Amino acid sequence: MRDLTSLPKAELHIHMEGAMRVATIRELTLARGLATPPGLTPDGWRFRDFLDFIGNYMALCSVMTDVEDFRRLGIEVCQDLADTGVHYAEAIFSPSNHAGRHGWFAPIEALLDGLQTGEQVSGVTVKLAPDIVRDLGMDAAEHTLEVALKYAGDGVIALGCAGSERTGIEPFAPLFRRAKDAGLRSVPHAGEWAGAENVWDTLANYLPDRIGHGVRASEDPRLVETLAESGIALEQCPTSNVATGVYSSLDEHPFDALRRAGVTVTLNSDDPPMFGDLWLTGVYEAARERWGYADEELAGLARASIDASFADDRRKQHLRTGIEDWLAAGA
């Protein structure tokens, strides 16, 4: 079996804040006399359920009390992505989680600067998708769109949305139309906790280019067929879904079933330090072990991640060539 770290990969679903190193969190809280997020134990992150995870995620965001923390985050995430064989990433960032402390623009400006420095150091390119947190309402959503539009083409490539899937989808539809009209892509979360109807509503209202998670689509055969025909990729995060309790184990996860049904699925890490420090190589290794994927199938998943990305054609071809070289090297 070939070394999966050396397989060129694209990461399409990773949250910047959730990718902060545990060592960095501990350093910042100790230096500033801040409370450590309650789920961060001496042995790493622990969560009771999804709501507990969300509470800890917000506590993590509150650790970033200095704008320079965002610049540092960008540099460190690039380095950590490089270590797991990621050459290109499209990462989610939540401006609304920081606006109360730092305003709407300073955090993303510092983060983009850090990502630029990180690329120079590591060779990894990271583009951002600011995401609307639906639970915070329309005013925060409008501000998030404003942030995305301001930096469109300057490190920002898409608009996303997250938050509770119980929140109505339709009110936010005009924001996604405006984003698309401005040349941004649409990458909403859907069908992680709510059922297949949540994915149907997202398809109808957000004009998605990709869908974050989308695992519950597996419960509706007609939706699975629609997704397979459309080619809309699902940014799947199997190890994350187990860690947060969407599924009790990888045995229950529908990734392989969706793949076999012809749906475009990609492997991603979501919030790697928070989920057992499983960065993307670890997710690929879990897929190899659980579903018995041969190197050729894993290379196919890496190609799918590149094809579903918004990278330019030159970068995509370079990464595809790297995958073929990886396969040939082990022959």
C-alpha atoms as a PDB file:
ATOM      1  CA  MET A   1       0.000   0.000   0.000  1.00  0.00           C
ATOM      2  CA  ARG A   2       1.228   3.464  -0.906  1.00  0.00           C
ATOM      3  CA  ASP A   3       1.800   6.225   1.644  1.00  0.00           C
ATOM      4  CA  LEU A   4      -1.334   8.377   1.676  1.00  0.00           C
ATOM      5  CA  THR A   5       0.468  11.450   2.984  1.00  0.00           C
ATOM      6  CA  SER A   6       2.292  11.733  -0.333  1.00  0.00           C
ATOM      7  CA  LEU A   7      -0.982  11.460  -2.320  1.00  0.00           C
ATOM      8  CA  PRO A   8      -1.772  15.004  -3.567  1.00  0.00           C
ATOM      9  CA  LYS A   9      -5.163  15.985  -2.154  1.00  0.00           C
ATOM     10  CA  ALA A  10      -7.544  18.920  -2.028  1.00  0.00           C
ATOM     11  CA  GLU A  11      -9.378  19.703   1.205  1.00  0.00           C
ATOM     12  CA  LEU A  12     -12.820  21.154   0.467  1.00  0.00           C
ATOM     13  CA  HIS A  13     -14.476  21.184   3.893  1.00  0.00           C
ATOM     14  CA  ILE A  14     -12.407  22.453   6.773  1.00  0.00           C
ATOM     15  CA  HIS A  15     -13.351  25.193   9.231  1.00  0.00           C
ATOM     16  CA  MET A  16     -10.514  27.588   9.902  1.00  0.00           C
ATOM     17  CA  GLU A  17     -11.360  28.134  13.550  1.00  0.00           C
ATOM     18  CA  GLY A  18     -11.896  24.414  14.138  1.00  0.00           C
ATOM     19  CA  ALA A  19      -8.457  23.732  12.685  1.00  0.00           C
ATOM     20  CA  MET A  20      -6.632  25.695  15.394  1.00  0.00           C
ATOM     21  CA  ARG A  21      -3.880  23.658  17.032  1.00  0.00           C
ATOM     22  CA  VAL A  22      -4.569  22.478  20.571  1.00  0.00           C
ATOM     23  CA  ALA A  23      -1.127  23.734  21.579  1.00  0.00           C
ATOM     24  CA  THR A  24      -2.012  27.196  20.285  1.00  0.00           C
ATOM     25  CA  ILE A  25      -5.293  27.234  22.220  1.00  0.00           C
ATOM     26  CA  ARG A  26      -3.499  26.279  25.422  1.00  0.00           C
ATOM     27  CA  GLU A  27      -0.806  28.885  24.846  1.00  0.00           C
ATOM     28  CA  LEU A  28      -3.306  31.687  24.215  1.00  0.00           C
ATOM     29  CA  THR A  29      -5.568  30.864  27.155  1.00  0.00           C
ATOM     30  CA  LEU A  30      -2.621  30.555  29.550  1.00  0.00           C
ATOM     31  CA  ALA A  31      -0.974  33.775  28.392  1.00  0.00           C
ATOM     32  CA  ARG A  32      -4.195  35.772  28.614  1.00  0.00           C
ATOM     33  CA  GLY A  33      -5.759  34.248  31.681  1.00  0.00           C
ATOM     34  CA  LEU A  34      -8.701  32.910  29.683  1.00  0.00           C
ATOM     35  CA  ALA A  35     -10.809  29.857  30.434  1.00  0.00           C
ATOM     36  CA  THR A  36      -9.950  26.812  28.372  1.00  0.00           C
ATOM     37  CA  PRO A  37     -12.952  25.562  26.371  1.00  0.00           C
ATOM     38  CA  PRO A  38     -14.678  22.990  28.629  1.00  0.00           C
ATOM     39  CA  GLY A  39     -14.395  20.166  26.113  1.00  0.00           C
ATOM     40  CA  LEU A  40     -10.619  20.485  25.821  1.00  0.00           C
ATOM     41  CA  THR A  41      -9.303  17.895  28.262  1.00  0.00           C
ATOM     42  CA  PRO A  42      -5.660  16.902  28.923  1.00  0.00           C
ATOM     43  CA  ASP A  43      -6.256  14.069  26.443  1.00  0.00           C
ATOM     44  CA  GLY A  44      -7.770  16.259  23.716  1.00  0.00           C
ATOM     45  CA  TRP A  45     -11.262  17.359  22.754  1.00  0.00           C
ATOM     46  CA  ARG A  46     -14.319  15.530  24.144  1.00  0.00           C
ATOM     47  CA  PHE A  47     -17.995  16.233  23.351  1.00  0.00           C
ATOM     48  CA  ARG A  48     -21.241  14.872  24.765  1.00  0.00           C
ATOM     49  CA  ASP A  49     -23.229  15.548  21.610  1.00  0.00           C
ATOM     50  CA  PHE A  50     -23.525  17.938  18.700  1.00  0.00           C
ATOM     51  CA  LEU A  51     -24.835  20.840  20.782  1.00  0.00           C
ATOM     52  CA  ASP A  52     -21.928  20.401  23.189  1.00  0.00           C
ATOM     53  CA  PHE A  53     -19.585  20.492  20.206  1.00  0.00           C
ATOM     54  CA  ILE A  54     -21.140  23.759  18.997  1.00  0.00           C
ATOM     55  CA  GLY A  55     -20.784  25.281  22.465  1.00  0.00           C
ATOM     56  CA  ASN A  56     -17.119  24.343  22.555  1.00  0.00           C
ATOM     57  CA  TYR A  57     -16.605  25.663  19.040  1.00  0.00           C
ATOM     58  CA  MET A  58     -17.902  29.057  20.112  1.00  0.00           C
ATOM     59  CA  ALA A  59     -15.699  28.927  23.207  1.00  0.00           C
ATOM     60  CA  LEU A  60     -12.746  28.227  20.911  1.00  0.00           C
ATOM     61  CA  CYS A  61     -13.595  31.294  18.821  1.00  0.00           C
ATOM     62  CA  SER A  62     -13.627  33.454  21.960  1.00  0.00           C
ATOM     63  CA  VAL A  63      -9.970  32.559  22.578  1.00  0.00           C
ATOM     64  CA  MET A  64      -9.025  34.700  19.569  1.00  0.00           C
ATOM     65  CA  THR A  65      -8.928  38.017  21.425  1.00  0.00           C
ATOM     66  CA  ASP A  66      -6.219  39.634  19.285  1.00  0.00           C
ATOM     67  CA  VAL A  67      -6.479  40.234  15.539  1.00  0.00           C
ATOM     68  CA  GLU A  68      -2.947  38.837  15.183  1.00  0.00           C
ATOM     69  CA  ASP A  69      -4.379  35.447  16.220  1.00  0.00           C
ATOM     70  CA  PHE A  70      -6.069  35.200  12.822  1.00  0.00           C
ATOM     71  CA  ARG A  71      -2.807  35.818  10.997  1.00  0.00           C
ATOM     72  CA  ARG A  72      -1.155  33.107  13.079  1.00  0.00           C
ATOM     73  CA  LEU A  73      -4.057  30.759  12.403  1.00  0.00           C
ATOM     74  CA  GLY A  74      -3.627  31.157   8.652  1.00  0.00           C
ATOM     75  CA  ILE A  75       0.079  30.350   8.791  1.00  0.00           C
ATOM     76  CA  GLU A  76      -0.327  27.329  11.072  1.00  0.00           C
ATOM     77  CA  VAL A  77      -3.224  25.822   9.128  1.00  0.00           C
ATOM     78  CA  CYS A  78      -1.202  26.015   5.903  1.00  0.00           C
ATOM     79  CA  GLN A  79       1.651  24.202   7.603  1.00  0.00           C
ATOM     80  CA  ASP A  80      -0.641  21.518   8.996  1.00  0.00           C
ATOM     81  CA  LEU A  81      -2.353  21.003   5.642  1.00  0.00           C
ATOM     82  CA  ALA A  82       1.032  20.559   4.000  1.00  0.00           C
ATOM     83  CA  ASP A  83       1.906  17.882   6.553  1.00  0.00           C
ATOM     84  CA  THR A  84      -1.148  15.846   5.526  1.00  0.00           C
ATOM     85  CA  GLY A  85      -0.462  16.051   1.789  1.00  0.00           C
ATOM     86  CA  VAL A  86      -2.971  18.780   0.952  1.00  0.00           C
ATOM     87  CA  HIS A  87      -1.790  21.066  -1.838  1.00  0.00           C
ATOM     88  CA  TYR A  88      -4.946  23.165  -2.191  1.00  0.00           C
ATOM     89  CA  ALA A  89      -7.838  23.884   0.167  1.00  0.00           C
ATOM     90  CA  GLU A  90     -11.091  25.786   0.289  1.00  0.00           C
ATOM     91  CA  ALA A  91     -11.786  26.619   3.907  1.00  0.00           C
ATOM     92  CA  ILE A  92     -14.825  27.889   5.786  1.00  0.00           C
ATOM     93  CA  PHE A  93     -14.555  30.976   7.966  1.00  0.00           C
ATOM     94  CA  SER A  94     -17.291  32.518  10.115  1.00  0.00           C
ATOM     95  CA  PRO A  95     -16.970  36.327  10.322  1.00  0.00           C
ATOM     96  CA  SER A  96     -20.051  36.564  12.544  1.00  0.00           C
ATOM     97  CA  ASN A  97     -18.296  34.588  15.285  1.00  0.00           C
ATOM     98  CA  HIS A  98     -15.769  37.399  15.694  1.00  0.00           C
ATOM     99  CA  ALA A  99     -17.545  40.595  14.661  1.00  0.00           C
ATOM    100  CA  GLY A 100     -18.560  41.495  18.204  1.00  0.00           C
ATOM    101  CA  ARG A 101     -14.923  41.596  19.335  1.00  0.00           C
ATOM    102  CA  HIS A 102     -13.090  42.718  16.211  1.00  0.00           C
ATOM    103  CA  GLY A 103     -15.580  44.088  13.671  1.00  0.00           C
ATOM    104  CA  TRP A 104     -16.509  42.451  10.389  1.00  0.00           C
ATOM    105  CA  PHE A 105     -13.384  43.008   8.318  1.00  0.00           C
ATOM    106  CA  ALA A 106     -10.272  42.978  10.507  1.00  0.00           C
ATOM    107  CA  PRO A 107     -10.324  39.218  11.233  1.00  0.00           C
ATOM    108  CA  ILE A 108     -10.603  38.104   7.622  1.00  0.00           C
ATOM    109  CA  GLU A 109      -8.005  40.640   6.499  1.00  0.00           C
ATOM    110  CA  ALA A 110      -5.530  39.262   9.043  1.00  0.00           C
ATOM    111  CA  LEU A 111      -6.456  35.682   8.140  1.00  0.00           C
ATOM    112  CA  LEU A 112      -5.963  36.296   4.424  1.00  0.00           C
ATOM    113  CA  ASP A 113      -2.584  37.849   5.178  1.00  0.00           C
ATOM    114  CA  GLY A 114      -1.634  34.817   7.252  1.00  0.00           C
ATOM    115  CA  LEU A 115      -2.741  32.456   4.488  1.00  0.00           C
ATOM    116  CA  GLN A 116      -0.590  34.347   2.003  1.00  0.00           C
ATOM    117  CA  THR A 117       2.425  34.020   4.285  1.00  0.00           C
ATOM    118  CA  GLY A 118       1.534  30.386   4.940  1.00  0.00           C
ATOM    119  CA  GLU A 119       1.487  29.661   1.219  1.00  0.00           C
ATOM    120  CA  GLN A 120       4.958  31.140   0.835  1.00  0.00           C
ATOM    121  CA  VAL A 121       6.243  28.922   3.649  1.00  0.00           C
ATOM    122  CA  SER A 122       4.373  25.677   2.931  1.00  0.00           C
ATOM    123  CA  GLY A 123       3.348  25.819  -0.727  1.00  0.00           C
ATOM    124  CA  VAL A 124      -0.299  25.234   0.204  1.00  0.00           C
ATOM    125  CA  THR A 125      -2.944  27.532  -1.269  1.00  0.00           C
ATOM    126  CA  VAL A 126      -6.049  28.151   0.852  1.00  0.00           C
ATOM    127  CA  LYS A 127      -9.077  30.050  -0.417  1.00  0.00           C
ATOM    128  CA  LEU A 128     -11.916  31.120   1.883  1.00  0.00           C
ATOM    129  CA  ALA A 129     -15.678  30.681   1.939  1.00  0.00           C
ATOM    130  CA  PRO A 130     -17.216  33.017   4.545  1.00  0.00           C
ATOM    131  CA  ASP A 131     -20.306  31.337   5.928  1.00  0.00           C
ATOM    132  CA  ILE A 132     -23.630  32.652   7.096  1.00  0.00           C
ATOM    133  CA  VAL A 133     -24.628  31.341  10.515  1.00  0.00           C
ATOM    134  CA  ARG A 134     -28.372  31.149   9.992  1.00  0.00           C
ATOM    135  CA  ASP A 135     -29.187  31.134  13.717  1.00  0.00           C
ATOM    136  CA  LEU A 136     -27.862  34.709  13.979  1.00  0.00           C
ATOM    137  CA  GLY A 137     -30.490  36.128  11.634  1.00  0.00           C
ATOM    138  CA  MET A 138     -30.606  38.261   8.522  1.00  0.00           C
ATOM    139  CA  ASP A 139     -28.572  41.230   9.727  1.00  0.00           C
ATOM    140  CA  ALA A 140     -25.525  39.075  10.434  1.00  0.00           C
ATOM    141  CA  ALA A 141     -26.129  37.228   7.162  1.00  0.00           C
ATOM    142  CA  GLU A 142     -26.114  40.493   5.205  1.00  0.00           C
ATOM    143  CA  HIS A 143     -22.853  41.518   6.861  1.00  0.00           C
ATOM    144  CA  THR A 144     -21.320  38.130   6.026  1.00  0.00           C
ATOM    145  CA  LEU A 145     -22.276  38.565   2.379  1.00  0.00           C
ATOM    146  CA  GLU A 146     -20.728  42.031   2.474  1.00  0.00           C
ATOM    147  CA  VAL A 147     -17.479  40.517   3.748  1.00  0.00           C
ATOM    148  CA  ALA A 148     -17.526  37.846   1.026  1.00  0.00           C
ATOM    149  CA  LEU A 149     -18.186  40.383  -1.715  1.00  0.00           C
ATOM    150  CA  LYS A 150     -15.471  42.751  -0.513  1.00  0.00           C
ATOM    151  CA  TYR A 151     -12.785  40.065  -0.848  1.00  0.00           C
ATOM    152  CA  ALA A 152     -14.248  38.177  -3.808  1.00  0.00           C
ATOM    153  CA  GLY A 153     -11.386  37.229  -6.093  1.00  0.00           C
ATOM    154  CA  ASP A 154      -8.907  38.337  -3.450  1.00  0.00           C
ATOM    155  CA  GLY A 155      -8.749  35.150  -1.415  1.00  0.00           C
ATOM    156  CA  VAL A 156     -12.514  34.573  -1.169  1.00  0.00           C
ATOM    157  CA  ILE A 157     -14.163  32.273  -3.688  1.00  0.00           C
ATOM    158  CA  ALA A 158     -17.521  31.237  -2.233  1.00  0.00           C
ATOM    159  CA  LEU A 159     -20.346  31.917   0.197  1.00  0.00           C
ATOM    160  CA  GLY A 160     -21.418  29.206   2.612  1.00  0.00           C
ATOM    161  CA  CYS A 161     -23.880  28.798   5.422  1.00  0.00           C
ATOM    162  CA  ALA A 162     -23.978  26.703   8.550  1.00  0.00           C
ATOM    163  CA  GLY A 163     -25.732  26.763  11.878  1.00  0.00           C
ATOM    164  CA  SER A 164     -28.863  24.952  12.854  1.00  0.00           C
ATOM    165  CA  GLU A 165     -30.540  23.093  10.010  1.00  0.00           C
ATOM    166  CA  ARG A 166     -33.847  23.708  11.777  1.00  0.00           C
ATOM    167  CA  THR A 167     -33.628  27.363  10.763  1.00  0.00           C
ATOM    168  CA  GLY A 168     -35.593  28.314   7.669  1.00  0.00           C
ATOM    169  CA  ILE A 169     -33.654  28.142   4.415  1.00  0.00           C
ATOM    170  CA  GLU A 170     -35.726  30.302   2.086  1.00  0.00           C
ATOM    171  CA  PRO A 171     -35.147  33.736   3.732  1.00  0.00           C
ATOM    172  CA  PHE A 172     -31.436  33.548   2.909  1.00  0.00           C
ATOM    173  CA  ALA A 173     -31.919  32.593  -0.751  1.00  0.00           C
ATOM    174  CA  PRO A 174     -31.558  36.172  -2.122  1.00  0.00           C
ATOM    175  CA  LEU A 175     -28.111  36.462  -0.541  1.00  0.00           C
ATOM    176  CA  PHE A 176     -26.882  33.418  -2.430  1.00  0.00           C
ATOM    177  CA  ARG A 177     -28.288  34.765  -5.672  1.00  0.00           C
ATOM    178  CA  ARG A 178     -26.411  38.024  -5.105  1.00  0.00           C
ATOM    179  CA  ALA A 179     -23.225  36.098  -4.323  1.00  0.00           C
ATOM    180  CA  LYS A 180     -23.561  34.027  -7.485  1.00  0.00           C
ATOM    181  CA  ASP A 181     -24.272  37.127  -9.566  1.00  0.00           C
ATOM    182  CA  ALA A 182     -21.004  38.562  -8.244  1.00  0.00           C
ATOM    183  CA  GLY A 183     -19.066  35.479  -9.354  1.00  0.00           C
ATOM    184  CA  LEU A 184     -18.860  33.668  -6.030  1.00  0.00           C
ATOM    185  CA  ARG A 185     -19.716  29.995  -5.673  1.00  0.00           C
ATOM    186  CA  SER A 186     -22.335  28.548  -3.330  1.00  0.00           C
ATOM    187  CA  VAL A 187     -21.203  25.953  -0.759  1.00  0.00           C
ATOM    188  CA  PRO A 188     -23.886  25.602   1.933  1.00  0.00           C
ATOM    189  CA  HIS A 189     -24.032  22.997   4.652  1.00  0.00           C
ATOM    190  CA  ALA A 190     -27.122  20.797   4.338  1.00  0.00           C
ATOM    191  CA  GLY A 191     -28.370  17.384   5.349  1.00  0.00           C
ATOM    192  CA  GLU A 192     -25.967  16.828   8.205  1.00  0.00           C
ATOM    193  CA  TRP A 193     -28.535  16.728  11.008  1.00  0.00           C
ATOM    194  CA  ALA A 194     -31.804  17.507   9.271  1.00  0.00           C
ATOM    195  CA  GLY A 195     -33.149  14.949   6.818  1.00  0.00           C
ATOM    196  CA  ALA A 196     -33.226  14.714   3.054  1.00  0.00           C
ATOM    197  CA  GLU A 197     -35.828  17.486   2.778  1.00  0.00           C
ATOM    198  CA  ASN A 198     -33.168  19.906   4.015  1.00  0.00           C
ATOM    199  CA  VAL A 199     -31.049  19.002   0.997  1.00  0.00           C
ATOM    200  CA  TRP A 200     -34.001  19.397  -1.377  1.00  0.00           C
ATOM    201  CA  ASP A 201     -34.688  22.879   0.041  1.00  0.00           C
ATOM    202  CA  THR A 202     -31.022  23.804  -0.276  1.00  0.00           C
ATOM    203  CA  LEU A 203     -30.952  22.737  -3.922  1.00  0.00           C
ATOM    204  CA  ALA A 204     -34.038  24.844  -4.614  1.00  0.00           C
ATOM    205  CA  ASN A 205     -32.949  27.998  -2.768  1.00  0.00           C
ATOM    206  CA  TYR A 206     -29.160  28.261  -2.626  1.00  0.00           C
ATOM    207  CA  LEU A 207     -28.133  27.167  -6.146  1.00  0.00           C
ATOM    208  CA  PRO A 208     -25.274  25.134  -4.660  1.00  0.00           C
ATOM    209  CA  ASP A 209     -22.100  24.307  -6.549  1.00  0.00           C
ATOM    210  CA  ARG A 210     -21.267  21.848  -3.760  1.00  0.00           C
ATOM    211  CA  ILE A 211     -22.995  20.810  -0.537  1.00  0.00           C
ATOM    212  CA  GLY A 212     -21.298  20.469   2.820  1.00  0.00           C
ATOM    213  CA  HIS A 213     -21.954  17.032   4.318  1.00  0.00           C
ATOM    214  CA  GLY A 214     -25.268  16.068   2.652  1.00  0.00           C
ATOM    215  CA  VAL A 215     -25.149  12.641   4.270  1.00  0.00           C
ATOM    216  CA  ARG A 216     -28.885  12.507   4.992  1.00  0.00           C
ATOM    217  CA  ALA A 217     -29.551  12.584   1.256  1.00  0.00           C
ATOM    218  CA  SER A 218     -28.896   8.858   1.443  1.00  0.00           C
ATOM    219  CA  GLU A 219     -32.337   8.409   3.013  1.00  0.00           C
ATOM    220  CA  ASP A 220     -34.177   9.453  -0.183  1.00  0.00           C
ATOM    221  CA  PRO A 221     -33.495   7.334  -3.292  1.00  0.00           C
ATOM    222  CA  ARG A 222     -34.947  10.001  -5.589  1.00  0.00           C
ATOM    223  CA  LEU A 223     -32.615  12.624  -4.087  1.00  0.00           C
ATOM    224  CA  VAL A 224     -29.635  10.302  -4.480  1.00  0.00           C
ATOM    225  CA  GLU A 225     -30.541   9.899  -8.148  1.00  0.00           C
ATOM    226  CA  THR A 226     -30.920  13.674  -8.553  1.00  0.00           C
ATOM    227  CA  LEU A 227     -27.518  14.336  -6.985  1.00  0.00           C
ATOM    228  CA  ALA A 228     -25.873  11.676  -9.135  1.00  0.00           C
ATOM    229  CA  GLU A 229     -27.345  13.185 -12.291  1.00  0.00           C
ATOM    230  CA  SER A 230     -26.469  16.760 -11.337  1.00  0.00           C
ATOM    231  CA  GLY A 231     -22.847  16.052 -10.472  1.00  0.00           C
ATOM    232  CA  ILE A 232     -23.087  18.374  -7.461  1.00  0.00           C
ATOM    233  CA  ALA A 233     -20.358  17.170  -5.129  1.00  0.00           C
ATOM    234  CA  LEU A 234     -20.964  16.397  -1.480  1.00  0.00           C
ATOM    235  CA  GLU A 235     -18.173  17.488   0.867  1.00  0.00           C
ATOM    236  CA  GLN A 236     -18.328  14.449   3.113  1.00  0.00           C
ATOM    237  CA  CYS A 237     -16.576  14.279   6.486  1.00  0.00           C
ATOM    238  CA  PRO A 238     -17.102  10.712   7.761  1.00  0.00           C
ATOM    239  CA  THR A 239     -14.825  10.862  10.797  1.00  0.00           C
ATOM    240  CA  SER A 240     -16.425  14.152  11.848  1.00  0.00           C
ATOM    241  CA  ASN A 241     -19.925  12.716  11.515  1.00  0.00           C
ATOM    242  CA  VAL A 242     -18.982   9.876  13.853  1.00  0.00           C
ATOM    243  CA  ALA A 243     -17.281  12.207  16.329  1.00  0.00           C
ATOM    244  CA  THR A 244     -20.358  14.447  16.602  1.00  0.00           C
ATOM    245  CA  GLY A 245     -22.807  11.541  16.756  1.00  0.00           C
ATOM    246  CA  VAL A 246     -24.551  11.823  13.396  1.00  0.00           C
ATOM    247  CA  TYR A 247     -23.604   8.158  12.988  1.00  0.00           C
ATOM    248  CA  SER A 248     -22.403   5.806  15.679  1.00  0.00           C
ATOM    249  CA  SER A 249     -19.605   4.364  13.532  1.00  0.00           C
ATOM    250  CA  LEU A 250     -18.170   4.349  10.041  1.00  0.00           C
ATOM    251  CA  ASP A 251     -20.070   1.099   9.503  1.00  0.00           C
ATOM    252  CA  GLU A 252     -23.267   3.152   9.430  1.00  0.00           C
ATOM    253  CA  HIS A 253     -21.918   6.051   7.390  1.00  0.00           C
ATOM    254  CA  PRO A 254     -23.392   6.307   3.854  1.00  0.00           C
ATOM    255  CA  PHE A 255     -20.233   7.563   2.116  1.00  0.00           C
ATOM    256  CA  ASP A 256     -19.541   4.315   0.290  1.00  0.00           C
ATOM    257  CA  ALA A 257     -23.196   3.744  -0.593  1.00  0.00           C
ATOM    258  CA  LEU A 258     -23.491   7.249  -2.064  1.00  0.00           C
ATOM    259  CA  ARG A 259     -20.277   6.763  -3.995  1.00  0.00           C
ATOM    260  CA  ARG A 260     -21.491   3.458  -5.442  1.00  0.00           C
ATOM    261  CA  ALA A 261     -24.773   5.131  -6.391  1.00  0.00           C
ATOM    262  CA  GLY A 262     -22.872   7.549  -8.598  1.00  0.00           C
ATOM    263  CA  VAL A 263     -22.967  10.622  -6.360  1.00  0.00           C
ATOM    264  CA  THR A 264     -19.817  12.745  -6.487  1.00  0.00           C
ATOM    265  CA  VAL A 265     -18.396  12.502  -2.982  1.00  0.00           C
ATOM    266  CA  THR A 266     -15.170  13.921  -1.588  1.00  0.00           C
ATOM    267  CA  LEU A 267     -13.333  13.113   1.634  1.00  0.00           C
ATOM    268  CA  ASN A 268     -12.681  15.969   4.048  1.00  0.00           C
ATOM    269  CA  SER A 269     -11.680  16.531   7.673  1.00  0.00           C
ATOM    270  CA  ASP A 270     -14.040  19.317   8.921  1.00  0.00           C
ATOM    271  CA  ASP A 271     -12.369  20.314  12.251  1.00  0.00           C
ATOM    272  CA  PRO A 272      -9.372  17.975  12.482  1.00  0.00           C
ATOM    273  CA  PRO A 273      -7.835  18.874  15.888  1.00  0.00           C
ATOM    274  CA  MET A 274     -11.294  18.674  17.449  1.00  0.00           C
ATOM    275  CA  PHE A 275     -11.943  15.171  16.076  1.00  0.00           C
ATOM    276  CA  GLY A 276      -9.004  13.117  17.245  1.00  0.00           C
ATOM    277  CA  ASP A 277      -6.461  15.200  15.321  1.00  0.00           C
ATOM    278  CA  LEU A 278      -7.523  13.405  12.150  1.00  0.00           C
ATOM    279  CA  TRP A 279      -6.270  15.524   9.276  1.00  0.00           C
ATOM    280  CA  LEU A 280      -7.017  14.486   5.726  1.00  0.00           C
ATOM    281  CA  THR A 281      -4.490  11.670   5.474  1.00  0.00           C
ATOM    282  CA  GLY A 282      -6.132  10.131   8.549  1.00  0.00           C
ATOM    283  CA  VAL A 283      -9.547  10.394   6.905  1.00  0.00           C
ATOM    284  CA  TYR A 284      -8.211   8.642   3.788  1.00  0.00           C
ATOM    285  CA  GLU A 285      -6.648   5.970   5.967  1.00  0.00           C
ATOM    286  CA  ALA A 286      -9.971   5.424   7.736  1.00  0.00           C
ATOM    287  CA  ALA A 287     -11.688   5.047   4.348  1.00  0.00           C
ATOM    288  CA  ARG A 288      -9.061   2.538   3.244  1.00  0.00           C
ATOM    289  CA  GLU A 289      -9.544   0.494   6.407  1.00  0.00           C
ATOM    290  CA  ARG A 290     -13.332   0.693   6.677  1.00  0.00           C
ATOM    291  CA  TRP A 291     -14.377   0.348   3.033  1.00  0.00           C
ATOM    292  CA  GLY A 292     -11.419  -1.569   1.712  1.00  0.00           C
ATOM    293  CA  TYR A 293     -10.464   0.983  -0.916  1.00  0.00           C
ATOM    294  CA  ALA A 294      -7.463   0.106  -3.029  1.00  0.00           C
ATOM    295  CA  ASP A 295      -4.905   2.744  -3.946  1.00  0.00           C
ATOM    296  CA  GLU A 296      -6.603   3.285  -7.319  1.00  0.00           C
ATOM    297  CA  GLU A 297      -9.911   4.058  -5.584  1.00  0.00           C
ATOM    298  CA  LEU A 298      -8.261   6.430  -3.131  1.00  0.00           C
ATOM    299  CA  ALA A 299      -6.529   8.161  -6.024  1.00  0.00           C
ATOM    300  CA  GLY A 300      -9.957   8.468  -7.643  1.00  0.00           C
ATOM    301  CA  LEU A 301     -11.275  10.189  -4.528  1.00  0.00           C
ATOM    302  CA  ALA A 302      -8.317  12.575  -4.597  1.00  0.00           C
ATOM    303  CA  ARG A 303      -9.119  13.340  -8.244  1.00  0.00           C
ATOM    304  CA  ALA A 304     -12.752  13.946  -7.308  1.00  0.00           C
ATOM    305  CA  SER A 305     -11.685  16.495  -4.704  1.00  0.00           C
ATOM    306  CA  ILE A 306      -9.589  18.324  -7.275  1.00  0.00           C
ATOM    307  CA  ASP A 307     -12.286  18.218  -9.949  1.00  0.00           C
ATOM    308  CA  ALA A 308     -14.896  19.524  -7.482  1.00  0.00           C
ATOM    309  CA  SER A 309     -12.650  22.361  -6.333  1.00  0.00           C
ATOM    310  CA  PHE A 310     -12.750  25.874  -7.735  1.00  0.00           C
ATOM    311  CA  ALA A 311      -9.047  25.873  -8.542  1.00  0.00           C
ATOM    312  CA  ASP A 312      -8.025  27.044 -11.993  1.00  0.00           C
ATOM    313  CA  ASP A 313      -7.416  24.534 -14.780  1.00  0.00           C
ATOM    314  CA  ARG A 314      -3.631  24.811 -14.577  1.00  0.00           C
ATOM    315  CA  ARG A 315      -3.564  23.956 -10.869  1.00  0.00           C
ATOM    316  CA  LYS A 316      -6.030  21.118 -11.363  1.00  0.00           C
ATOM    317  CA  GLN A 317      -3.920  19.577 -14.104  1.00  0.00           C
ATOM    318  CA  HIS A 318      -0.780  19.883 -11.990  1.00  0.00           C
ATOM    319  CA  LEU A 319      -2.480  18.065  -9.107  1.00  0.00           C
ATOM    320  CA  ARG A 320      -3.901  15.360 -11.368  1.00  0.00           C
ATOM    321  CA  THR A 321      -0.397  14.750 -12.707  1.00  0.00           C
ATOM    322  CA  GLY A 322       0.834  14.416  -9.136  1.00  0.00           C
ATOM    323  CA  ILE A 323      -1.781  11.759  -8.465  1.00  0.00           C
ATOM    324  CA  GLU A 324      -0.730   9.770 -11.513  1.00  0.00           C
ATOM    325  CA  ASP A 325       2.885  10.027 -10.395  1.00  0.00           C
ATOM    326  CA  TRP A 326       1.837   8.734  -6.959  1.00  0.00           C
ATOM    327  CA  LEU A 327       0.192   5.715  -8.514  1.00  0.00           C
ATOM    328  CA  ALA A 328       3.103   5.041 -10.840  1.00  0.00           C
ATOM    329  CA  ALA A 329       5.659   5.284  -8.032  1.00  0.00           C
ATOM    330  CA  GLY A 330       4.123   2.351  -6.225  1.00  0.00           C
ATOM    331  CA  ALA A 331       3.613   0.144  -9.249  1.00  0.00           C
END
